[in-house]
Protein backbone atom coordinates (compact mmCIF):
# COMPACT_ATOMS: atom_id res chain seq x y z
CA UNK A 1 -20.39 33.55 -1.70
CA UNK A 2 -18.19 33.00 -4.75
CA UNK A 3 -19.67 33.61 -8.16
CA UNK A 4 -19.36 30.54 -10.37
CA UNK A 5 -18.17 31.08 -13.91
CA UNK A 6 -20.63 29.92 -16.57
CA UNK A 7 -20.20 26.42 -17.96
CA UNK A 8 -19.35 26.04 -21.66
CA UNK A 9 -22.96 25.88 -22.93
CA UNK A 10 -24.16 28.54 -20.51
CA UNK A 11 -21.38 30.85 -21.74
CA UNK A 12 -22.22 30.15 -25.41
CA UNK A 13 -25.89 30.94 -24.77
CA UNK A 14 -25.16 34.09 -22.77
CA UNK A 15 -22.69 35.26 -25.43
CA UNK A 16 -25.38 35.05 -28.08
CA UNK A 17 -27.99 36.74 -25.91
CA UNK A 18 -25.60 39.60 -25.13
CA UNK A 19 -24.89 39.98 -28.85
CA UNK A 20 -28.55 39.95 -29.91
CA UNK A 21 -29.41 42.93 -27.73
CA UNK A 22 -33.11 42.03 -27.76
CA UNK A 23 -35.41 39.37 -26.29
CA UNK A 24 -35.31 36.15 -28.35
CA UNK A 25 -37.06 32.79 -28.38
CA UNK A 26 -35.12 29.61 -27.63
CA UNK A 27 -35.40 28.63 -31.31
CA UNK A 28 -33.19 31.57 -32.35
CA UNK A 29 -30.47 30.50 -29.93
CA UNK A 30 -30.72 26.86 -31.04
CA UNK A 31 -30.48 27.81 -34.71
CA UNK A 32 -27.44 29.97 -34.00
CA UNK A 33 -25.69 27.29 -31.91
CA UNK A 34 -26.38 24.63 -34.55
CA UNK A 35 -24.16 26.54 -36.98
CA UNK A 36 -21.22 25.34 -34.86
CA UNK A 37 -22.40 22.10 -33.24
CA UNK A 38 -25.18 19.56 -33.10
CA UNK A 39 -27.42 20.42 -30.18
CA UNK A 40 -30.99 19.58 -29.24
CA UNK A 41 -33.67 22.20 -28.72
CA UNK A 42 -34.54 20.65 -25.34
CA UNK A 43 -30.91 20.94 -24.16
CA UNK A 44 -30.82 24.66 -24.92
CA UNK A 45 -34.28 25.14 -23.40
CA UNK A 46 -33.19 23.41 -20.19
CA UNK A 47 -30.03 25.51 -19.86
CA UNK A 48 -31.89 28.74 -20.58
CA UNK A 49 -34.52 27.81 -18.00
CA UNK A 50 -31.75 27.19 -15.45
CA UNK A 51 -30.14 30.53 -16.29
CA UNK A 52 -33.54 32.14 -15.74
CA UNK A 53 -33.95 30.43 -12.35
CA UNK A 54 -30.42 31.53 -11.35
CA UNK A 55 -31.36 35.14 -12.10
CA UNK A 56 -29.27 35.66 -15.23
CA UNK A 57 -32.14 35.80 -17.74
CA UNK A 58 -35.50 37.55 -17.87
CA UNK A 59 -38.27 35.49 -19.41
CA UNK A 60 -41.58 36.71 -20.76
CA UNK A 61 -44.43 34.73 -22.26
CA UNK A 62 -44.76 34.97 -26.06
CA UNK A 63 -47.44 32.75 -27.54
CA UNK A 64 -46.77 29.16 -26.51
CA UNK A 65 -43.15 29.87 -25.59
CA UNK A 66 -41.01 32.53 -23.99
CA UNK A 67 -38.65 35.29 -25.00
CA UNK A 68 -35.38 35.50 -23.07
CA UNK A 69 -32.94 38.33 -22.49
CA UNK A 70 -30.02 38.90 -20.10
CA UNK A 71 -30.70 40.67 -16.81
CA UNK A 72 -27.11 41.95 -16.63
CA UNK A 73 -24.59 43.07 -19.22
CA UNK A 74 -21.50 41.08 -20.15
CA UNK A 75 -19.44 43.79 -18.45
CA UNK A 76 -21.42 43.49 -15.21
CA UNK A 77 -20.94 39.71 -15.24
CA UNK A 78 -17.20 40.14 -15.81
CA UNK A 79 -16.95 42.68 -13.00
CA UNK A 80 -18.77 40.31 -10.63
CA UNK A 81 -16.37 37.50 -11.54
CA UNK A 82 -13.41 39.76 -10.87
CA UNK A 83 -14.78 40.83 -7.47
CA UNK A 84 -15.54 37.22 -6.58
CA UNK A 85 -11.98 36.19 -7.48
CA UNK A 86 -10.53 39.07 -5.46
CA UNK A 87 -12.62 38.04 -2.45
CA UNK A 88 -10.81 34.67 -2.35
CA UNK A 89 -7.52 36.38 -1.39
CA UNK A 90 -6.44 36.99 2.19
CA UNK A 91 -4.17 39.75 0.89
CA UNK A 92 -6.04 41.83 -1.67
CA UNK A 93 -3.17 44.30 -2.08
CA UNK A 94 -0.84 41.48 -3.12
CA UNK A 95 -3.50 40.08 -5.44
CA UNK A 96 -3.79 43.50 -7.09
CA UNK A 97 -0.01 43.71 -7.49
CA UNK A 98 0.07 40.32 -9.23
CA UNK A 99 -2.94 41.24 -11.38
CA UNK A 100 -1.51 44.59 -12.42
CA UNK A 101 1.91 43.12 -13.20
CA UNK A 102 0.30 40.78 -15.72
CA UNK A 103 -1.73 43.38 -17.62
CA UNK A 104 -1.00 43.90 -21.29
CA UNK A 105 -0.40 47.43 -22.53
CA UNK A 106 -3.96 47.63 -23.88
CA UNK A 107 -5.40 46.32 -20.61
CA UNK A 108 -3.37 48.87 -18.64
CA UNK A 109 -4.67 51.66 -20.87
CA UNK A 110 -8.25 50.42 -20.38
CA UNK A 111 -7.71 50.40 -16.60
CA UNK A 112 -6.32 53.94 -16.68
CA UNK A 113 -9.32 55.11 -18.72
CA UNK A 114 -11.71 53.43 -16.29
CA UNK A 115 -9.98 55.04 -13.30
CA UNK A 116 -10.48 58.47 -14.89
CA UNK A 117 -14.22 57.74 -15.07
CA UNK A 118 -14.69 56.09 -11.67
CA UNK A 119 -12.51 57.18 -8.82
CA UNK A 120 -12.73 55.07 -5.64
CA UNK A 121 -14.28 56.95 -2.71
CA UNK A 122 -11.76 58.28 -0.24
CA UNK A 123 -12.01 57.17 3.40
CA UNK A 124 -13.27 59.96 5.64
């Protein structure tokens, strides 16, 4: 099953939660988002509840409300998106060739560094 990319508000919420690095109440996210746009508390609450139900956020009771935090890192989410995109190709080797040919110098260096850390298992 293909992983769906976050919608605009979902992405804005997840971005903030990844940056906070700690469990936060909805109010903190609302206050942060309102620095850039007008948005209702109930809208943010609804989206965060949906993200919780989809398995992206952990929620724990805190007084009358909840504290939320991501269940996966931004990097894990990105890796899952990349794998999901790769799975749509009938020719993964060709998809890799196209992907690699479009990498910037910095992206290529990051890939080389990652390959030094994690080497794919060899077929037996």
